[in-house]
Amino acid sequence: MVGSKTGDKPPFSVVVEMENAAMVSAQEWGEILELLAEQIGEQTQRMPGRPEVIIVHAGAADENAAIAARIEQQVPALLAVSDLQLVSLPEGRYYELKNAGVERARGEVIVMLDSDAFPRPGWLTALLSGFTNPETMVVGGHTYLGHSGFLSRTLALVWVFPLREGDLRSVSRRALNVNNCAFRGSWIRANPIPIDNGFKVGCTKLMHQMQQAGVTMHRAEALCEHKPLQGWRFLVWRAMVTGRDADRKYADLKSPSRLRRLLSALKFSFKMQCRAVRRILTLRHRVAMPIWEVPAALAIGCTFYGLAFLGQLQRVAGLDVERPEHVPAYVESH
C-alpha cells in the first residue's frame, strides 16, 4: 500500500527523485517504474523482507494522492513488490530531493535512481552485490545517454557519461553520479549530499568528501540509459550552467582566486573541446554515426563547450548573479 511501513526493516530502499520527471513523458515515467518493479521483484525472491521505494517530489503534500493514484493505475506491480512512500519537499531542488529521500529511508542499503533513467537488466543486482563486502560504503553504476538520431548521437559522444560499450577510457574514470548508485545507509545518512547554488555540483563535492574520508567507490556494471537531452534552448542553458558549475567546483574545492579560476576556465574549455573532437572522430562508429554527420557533430560539440566557457567566464568576472540554479520554465523538456 502507498505510504505503508512494515514493522521489519526493509532489506534495501530505493530513492527516486521527480525533478527529472518533467523531462520524460507519462508513458516513459511508467516504463521506468515498471522496470524498477521487475528488478525489485527479482530481489524479493532472494532475500527476506519487503523493500521500500521512496518517491520525492517538489510539489505540495496535497499532490501525493494524485501521484499515488497515477502509480497505482500505471504500475500496480510496484505496489505488489514494495512499500511505497511519497515525500513532498516544496520547491526542493535535485540534491535536496535526494537527501529528503535518504532521511526517510530505513534500508541498510539505499539505492538512488533518477526519474529519467531506464534501468537495464541486472542493474539492481549489480548495485546490491557490491555490499556483500561489509567495508563497501558506495557503489557507482554506469549511466549512458540513449541515442536514436543525429543530435542524440552527438551528445552521447561529447557528454560526460561513458558510452554503453567500447569506451574503456571513460569507463575506467567513471565518476560518481547519484542518478545511478547505492550507499550504505549509515554512511550516506551521516554524509548527505552537499547543497549549494549549483545545478549538478553535489556529486563532485560528495566524491571529494569520500576521498577525504578514505572511502573508495566500488564500480559496478549497473547499466542505466539516460533519456537523450533534447531541445536547443535546454542545451544552450545546460551548456552555460555546465560552465558556471565548473567554476563553482574550482572556487569551492581548489581556489577562490579569480586569476586561477580564469586559468582553470581556459584549461577546462580546451580539454573538453579536444575531448569532444577526439571522441567524435574515434568513437563515432559506437553510436552508428555516418561520416557525413561528423562535421556538424564537431561544430555542435565545440559550440557546447564554447558556451560552457562563456558561462564560466561570466562567473569568474563577477557578471553572473549568484542564485540557486533551476531549469528555466522556457526550455523544451521533451
Protein backbone atom coordinates (compact mmCIF):
# COMPACT_ATOMS: atom_id res chain seq x y z
CA MET A 1 0.00 0.00 0.00
CA VAL A 2 1.12 3.55 -0.61
CA GLY A 3 2.75 5.08 2.41
CA SER A 4 2.76 1.82 4.37
CA LYS A 5 5.62 0.68 6.52
CA THR A 6 6.16 -2.86 7.61
CA GLY A 7 7.42 -3.41 11.13
CA ASP A 8 10.59 -5.05 9.90
CA LYS A 9 13.47 -3.07 8.50
CA PRO A 10 13.46 -3.28 4.68
CA PRO A 11 16.42 -5.08 3.08
CA PHE A 12 17.03 -2.03 0.89
CA SER A 13 15.44 1.29 -0.06
CA VAL A 14 15.19 2.90 -3.50
CA VAL A 15 15.02 6.71 -3.67
CA VAL A 16 13.61 8.21 -6.89
CA GLU A 17 13.52 11.98 -7.36
CA MET A 18 10.83 13.52 -9.53
CA GLU A 19 12.57 16.69 -10.68
CA ASN A 20 13.69 14.99 -13.87
CA ALA A 21 10.24 13.50 -14.44
CA ALA A 22 9.45 16.74 -16.29
CA MET A 23 11.96 15.57 -18.91
CA VAL A 24 10.05 12.39 -19.77
CA SER A 25 6.54 11.59 -20.95
CA ALA A 26 3.94 9.95 -18.73
CA GLN A 27 4.41 6.74 -20.69
CA GLU A 28 8.19 6.79 -20.19
CA TRP A 29 7.79 7.51 -16.46
CA GLY A 30 5.55 4.49 -16.20
CA GLU A 31 8.06 2.38 -18.12
CA ILE A 32 10.85 3.36 -15.73
CA LEU A 33 8.76 2.34 -12.72
CA GLU A 34 7.79 -0.92 -14.44
CA LEU A 35 11.46 -1.75 -14.99
CA LEU A 36 12.17 -0.89 -11.36
CA ALA A 37 9.31 -3.10 -10.18
CA GLU A 38 10.58 -6.04 -12.24
CA GLN A 39 14.04 -5.81 -10.73
CA ILE A 40 12.75 -5.39 -7.18
CA GLY A 41 10.59 -8.45 -7.74
CA GLU A 42 13.70 -10.44 -8.67
CA GLN A 43 15.35 -9.39 -5.41
CA THR A 44 12.40 -10.29 -3.21
CA GLN A 45 12.79 -13.90 -4.32
CA ARG A 46 16.36 -13.92 -2.99
CA MET A 47 16.10 -12.09 0.30
CA PRO A 48 13.70 -11.81 3.23
CA GLY A 49 11.74 -8.65 3.95
CA ARG A 50 9.93 -6.16 1.80
CA PRO A 51 11.92 -3.36 0.10
CA GLU A 52 10.69 0.22 0.07
CA VAL A 53 10.52 2.75 -2.75
CA ILE A 54 10.57 6.43 -1.81
CA ILE A 55 9.47 8.90 -4.47
CA VAL A 56 10.30 12.51 -3.65
CA HIS A 57 8.73 15.43 -5.49
CA ALA A 58 8.96 19.21 -5.23
CA GLY A 59 5.24 19.85 -5.08
CA ALA A 60 2.88 20.33 -2.17
CA ALA A 61 1.89 17.46 0.11
CA ASP A 62 -1.67 17.52 -1.24
CA GLU A 63 -0.28 16.27 -4.57
CA ASN A 64 0.66 12.93 -3.01
CA ALA A 65 -2.79 11.43 -3.55
CA ALA A 66 -2.77 12.21 -7.29
CA ILE A 67 0.73 10.81 -7.74
CA ALA A 68 -0.20 7.70 -5.77
CA ALA A 69 -3.31 7.15 -7.90
CA ARG A 70 -1.27 7.57 -11.06
CA ILE A 71 1.27 4.98 -9.90
CA GLU A 72 -1.45 2.59 -8.78
CA GLN A 73 -3.08 2.82 -12.19
CA GLN A 74 0.08 2.70 -14.29
CA VAL A 75 2.37 0.44 -12.26
CA PRO A 76 0.42 -1.79 -9.86
CA ALA A 77 3.37 -4.19 -9.92
CA LEU A 78 5.44 -1.67 -7.95
CA LEU A 79 2.94 -1.74 -5.09
CA ALA A 80 2.93 -5.54 -5.17
CA VAL A 81 6.67 -5.86 -4.55
CA SER A 82 7.49 -2.87 -2.33
CA ASP A 83 6.24 -0.43 0.28
CA LEU A 84 5.80 2.92 -1.44
CA GLN A 85 6.33 6.27 0.26
CA LEU A 86 5.61 9.64 -1.31
CA VAL A 87 7.59 12.55 0.10
CA SER A 88 6.83 16.20 -0.62
CA LEU A 89 9.56 18.83 -0.44
CA PRO A 90 8.01 22.02 -1.84
CA GLU A 91 10.37 23.85 -4.20
CA GLY A 92 13.05 21.25 -3.48
CA ARG A 93 15.93 21.02 -5.93
CA TYR A 94 17.59 17.88 -7.29
CA TYR A 95 20.03 17.09 -4.48
CA GLU A 96 17.64 18.32 -1.83
CA LEU A 97 15.09 15.78 -3.06
CA LYS A 98 17.72 13.05 -2.88
CA ASN A 99 18.63 13.97 0.70
CA ALA A 100 14.98 14.11 1.73
CA GLY A 101 14.54 10.58 0.44
CA VAL A 102 17.60 9.40 2.37
CA GLU A 103 16.19 10.90 5.56
CA ARG A 104 13.05 8.80 5.18
CA ALA A 105 14.78 5.61 4.04
CA ARG A 106 15.09 2.77 6.54
CA GLY A 107 17.10 0.28 4.47
CA GLU A 108 20.66 -0.73 5.27
CA VAL A 109 21.42 -0.09 1.60
CA ILE A 110 19.95 2.96 -0.14
CA VAL A 111 19.77 2.88 -3.94
CA MET A 112 19.38 6.08 -5.97
CA LEU A 113 17.71 6.26 -9.37
CA ASP A 114 16.66 9.26 -11.43
CA SER A 115 13.19 9.61 -12.90
CA ASP A 116 14.59 9.89 -16.45
CA ALA A 117 16.94 6.88 -16.27
CA PHE A 118 15.88 3.45 -17.54
CA PRO A 119 17.47 0.63 -15.51
CA ARG A 120 18.70 -2.19 -17.73
CA PRO A 121 18.58 -5.92 -16.87
CA GLY A 122 20.77 -6.79 -13.90
CA TRP A 123 21.05 -3.17 -12.74
CA LEU A 124 19.75 -3.63 -9.21
CA THR A 125 21.56 -6.93 -8.68
CA ALA A 126 24.85 -5.33 -9.74
CA LEU A 127 24.44 -2.43 -7.30
CA LEU A 128 23.38 -4.57 -4.35
CA SER A 129 26.03 -7.24 -4.88
CA GLY A 130 28.74 -4.71 -4.10
CA PHE A 131 27.58 -4.65 -0.48
CA THR A 132 28.45 -8.29 0.19
CA ASN A 133 31.73 -6.76 1.36
CA PRO A 134 30.94 -5.13 4.73
CA GLU A 135 33.55 -2.42 4.07
CA THR A 136 31.77 -1.16 0.94
CA MET A 137 30.11 2.20 1.52
CA VAL A 138 29.43 3.40 -2.04
CA VAL A 139 28.71 1.59 -5.31
CA GLY A 140 28.56 3.56 -8.54
CA GLY A 141 26.69 2.36 -11.63
CA HIS A 142 27.24 3.07 -15.32
CA THR A 143 24.87 5.64 -16.85
CA TYR A 144 24.98 6.37 -20.57
CA LEU A 145 22.96 8.61 -22.86
CA GLY A 146 20.44 6.96 -25.13
CA HIS A 147 20.60 7.93 -28.81
CA SER A 148 18.42 7.48 -31.85
CA GLY A 149 19.14 10.44 -34.14
CA PHE A 150 21.88 12.85 -35.14
CA LEU A 151 21.71 15.19 -32.15
CA SER A 152 21.39 12.42 -29.58
CA ARG A 153 24.30 10.53 -31.18
CA THR A 154 26.42 13.67 -30.96
CA LEU A 155 25.56 14.28 -27.31
CA ALA A 156 26.17 10.64 -26.41
CA LEU A 157 29.72 11.13 -27.66
CA VAL A 158 30.51 14.54 -26.16
CA TRP A 159 28.65 14.25 -22.84
CA VAL A 160 30.45 13.34 -19.62
CA PHE A 161 28.82 9.89 -19.41
CA PRO A 162 30.70 6.97 -20.96
CA LEU A 163 29.15 5.14 -23.87
CA ARG A 164 27.40 1.88 -23.08
CA GLU A 165 30.26 -0.17 -24.55
CA GLY A 166 33.58 0.25 -26.33
CA ASP A 167 34.57 3.28 -24.23
CA LEU A 168 37.14 1.79 -21.85
CA ARG A 169 38.98 5.04 -21.22
CA SER A 170 35.89 6.83 -19.92
CA VAL A 171 34.51 3.80 -18.11
CA SER A 172 37.73 3.40 -16.11
CA ARG A 173 37.38 7.03 -14.97
CA ARG A 174 33.65 6.85 -14.34
CA ALA A 175 32.72 9.35 -11.64
CA LEU A 176 30.02 9.11 -9.00
CA ASN A 177 26.61 10.00 -10.41
CA VAL A 178 23.72 9.94 -7.97
CA ASN A 179 21.33 9.12 -10.81
CA ASN A 180 22.60 5.52 -10.59
CA CYS A 181 24.35 4.46 -7.38
CA ALA A 182 23.89 2.92 -3.94
CA PHE A 183 25.15 3.73 -0.46
CA ARG A 184 25.49 2.01 2.86
CA GLY A 185 22.59 3.63 4.67
CA SER A 186 24.55 4.50 7.79
CA TRP A 187 27.23 6.26 5.73
CA ILE A 188 25.02 8.40 3.47
CA ARG A 189 22.80 9.44 6.39
CA ALA A 190 25.91 10.75 8.15
CA ASN A 191 27.27 12.29 4.92
CA PRO A 192 24.37 13.78 2.95
CA ILE A 193 24.94 15.26 -0.49
CA PRO A 194 26.35 18.80 -0.16
CA ILE A 195 23.90 21.52 -1.17
CA ASP A 196 24.92 24.76 -2.88
CA ASN A 197 23.60 27.00 -5.65
CA GLY A 198 25.00 24.79 -8.39
CA PHE A 199 22.90 22.65 -10.71
CA LYS A 200 24.99 19.45 -10.64
CA VAL A 201 27.86 20.16 -8.25
CA GLY A 202 26.80 17.94 -5.36
CA CYS A 203 28.17 14.72 -6.93
CA THR A 204 31.66 16.22 -7.18
CA LYS A 205 31.55 17.57 -3.64
CA LEU A 206 30.29 14.26 -2.26
CA MET A 207 33.11 12.48 -4.12
CA HIS A 208 35.54 14.95 -2.52
CA GLN A 209 34.15 14.11 0.92
CA MET A 210 34.59 10.42 0.17
CA GLN A 211 38.21 10.92 -0.82
CA GLN A 212 38.93 12.91 2.33
CA ALA A 213 37.38 10.16 4.44
CA GLY A 214 39.27 7.44 2.62
CA VAL A 215 36.08 5.93 1.18
CA THR A 216 36.54 4.21 -2.18
CA MET A 217 33.72 3.88 -4.66
CA HIS A 218 33.15 0.36 -5.94
CA ARG A 219 32.30 0.44 -9.65
CA ALA A 220 29.59 -1.93 -10.83
CA GLU A 221 28.26 -2.71 -14.29
CA ALA A 222 24.84 -1.47 -13.26
CA LEU A 223 23.57 -0.04 -16.54
CA CYS A 224 21.06 2.80 -16.81
CA GLU A 225 20.07 4.50 -20.04
CA HIS A 226 19.52 8.22 -19.52
CA LYS A 227 16.94 9.75 -21.81
CA PRO A 228 18.61 11.81 -24.58
CA LEU A 229 18.96 15.52 -23.90
CA GLN A 230 16.56 17.44 -26.12
CA GLY A 231 15.61 20.95 -27.14
CA TRP A 232 18.05 23.62 -28.29
CA ARG A 233 17.00 26.04 -25.53
CA PHE A 234 17.68 23.40 -22.88
CA LEU A 235 21.05 22.58 -24.45
CA VAL A 236 22.13 26.22 -24.55
CA TRP A 237 21.13 26.66 -20.91
CA ARG A 238 22.75 23.34 -19.95
CA ALA A 239 26.00 24.39 -21.61
CA MET A 240 26.07 27.71 -19.77
CA VAL A 241 25.29 26.11 -16.40
CA THR A 242 27.99 23.50 -17.05
CA GLY A 243 30.48 26.34 -17.13
CA ARG A 244 29.07 28.04 -14.06
CA ASP A 245 29.17 24.75 -12.16
CA ALA A 246 32.76 24.14 -13.26
CA ASP A 247 33.72 27.49 -11.71
CA ARG A 248 31.80 26.70 -8.52
CA LYS A 249 33.67 23.42 -8.15
CA TYR A 250 37.05 25.06 -8.67
CA ALA A 251 36.34 28.04 -6.42
CA ASP A 252 34.97 25.91 -3.57
CA LEU A 253 37.36 22.96 -3.73
CA LYS A 254 40.61 24.45 -5.04
CA SER A 255 41.00 28.24 -5.03
CA PRO A 256 38.78 31.37 -4.91
CA SER A 257 41.45 33.36 -6.77
CA ARG A 258 39.98 34.96 -9.88
CA LEU A 259 43.23 34.52 -11.81
CA ARG A 260 43.39 30.82 -11.02
CA ARG A 261 39.72 30.42 -11.85
CA LEU A 262 40.33 32.12 -15.21
CA LEU A 263 43.21 29.77 -15.96
CA SER A 264 41.01 26.86 -14.90
CA ALA A 265 38.27 28.04 -17.29
CA LEU A 266 40.72 28.18 -20.20
CA LYS A 267 42.06 24.74 -19.34
CA PHE A 268 38.56 23.26 -18.96
CA SER A 269 37.40 24.68 -22.29
CA PHE A 270 40.47 23.42 -24.16
CA LYS A 271 40.27 20.00 -22.51
CA MET A 272 36.56 19.46 -23.16
CA GLN A 273 36.63 20.69 -26.76
CA CYS A 274 39.61 18.46 -27.52
CA ARG A 275 37.79 15.58 -25.84
CA ALA A 276 34.68 16.21 -27.93
CA VAL A 277 36.70 16.23 -31.16
CA ARG A 278 38.65 13.09 -30.21
CA ARG A 279 35.56 11.13 -29.23
CA ILE A 280 33.57 12.08 -32.34
CA LEU A 281 36.44 11.10 -34.61
CA THR A 282 37.41 7.86 -32.85
CA LEU A 283 34.16 6.56 -31.34
CA ARG A 284 31.51 7.62 -33.87
CA HIS A 285 31.06 4.02 -35.04
CA ARG A 286 29.97 3.08 -31.50
CA VAL A 287 26.82 5.16 -31.96
CA ALA A 288 26.42 4.36 -35.67
CA MET A 289 27.27 7.93 -36.74
CA PRO A 290 27.81 8.10 -40.52
CA ILE A 291 30.82 10.03 -41.77
CA TRP A 292 28.70 12.79 -43.29
CA GLU A 293 27.37 13.74 -39.84
CA VAL A 294 30.85 14.28 -38.41
CA PRO A 295 31.39 17.95 -39.44
CA ALA A 296 28.10 19.07 -37.90
CA ALA A 297 28.74 16.95 -34.81
CA LEU A 298 32.14 18.58 -34.35
CA ALA A 299 30.54 22.02 -34.64
CA ILE A 300 27.89 21.17 -32.03
CA GLY A 301 30.40 19.63 -29.61
CA CYS A 302 32.76 22.59 -29.81
CA THR A 303 29.89 25.09 -29.59
CA PHE A 304 28.51 23.38 -26.48
CA TYR A 305 31.80 23.65 -24.61
CA GLY A 306 32.41 27.11 -26.04
CA LEU A 307 29.16 28.20 -24.38
CA ALA A 308 30.28 26.45 -21.20
CA PHE A 309 33.45 28.56 -21.29
CA LEU A 310 31.31 31.69 -21.68
CA GLY A 311 29.23 30.74 -18.64
CA GLN A 312 32.36 30.01 -16.64
CA LEU A 313 34.00 33.26 -17.73
CA GLN A 314 30.95 35.34 -16.78
CA ARG A 315 31.01 33.91 -13.28
CA VAL A 316 34.77 34.40 -12.89
CA ALA A 317 34.34 38.04 -13.95
CA GLY A 318 31.54 38.55 -11.43
CA LEU A 319 29.00 39.28 -14.16
CA ASP A 320 26.69 36.46 -13.17
CA VAL A 321 24.19 36.90 -10.33
CA GLU A 322 24.75 34.13 -7.79
CA ARG A 323 21.50 32.29 -7.15
CA PRO A 324 20.27 28.70 -6.97
CA GLU A 325 20.22 27.08 -10.40
CA HIS A 326 16.83 25.89 -11.66
CA VAL A 327 15.86 24.52 -15.06
CA PRO A 328 14.15 27.55 -16.65
CA ALA A 329 10.47 27.19 -17.44
CA TYR A 330 11.06 28.26 -21.07
CA VAL A 331 13.23 25.31 -22.11
CA GLU A 332 11.83 22.42 -24.13
CA SER A 333 11.80 19.48 -21.77
CA HIS A 334 10.61 16.79 -24.21
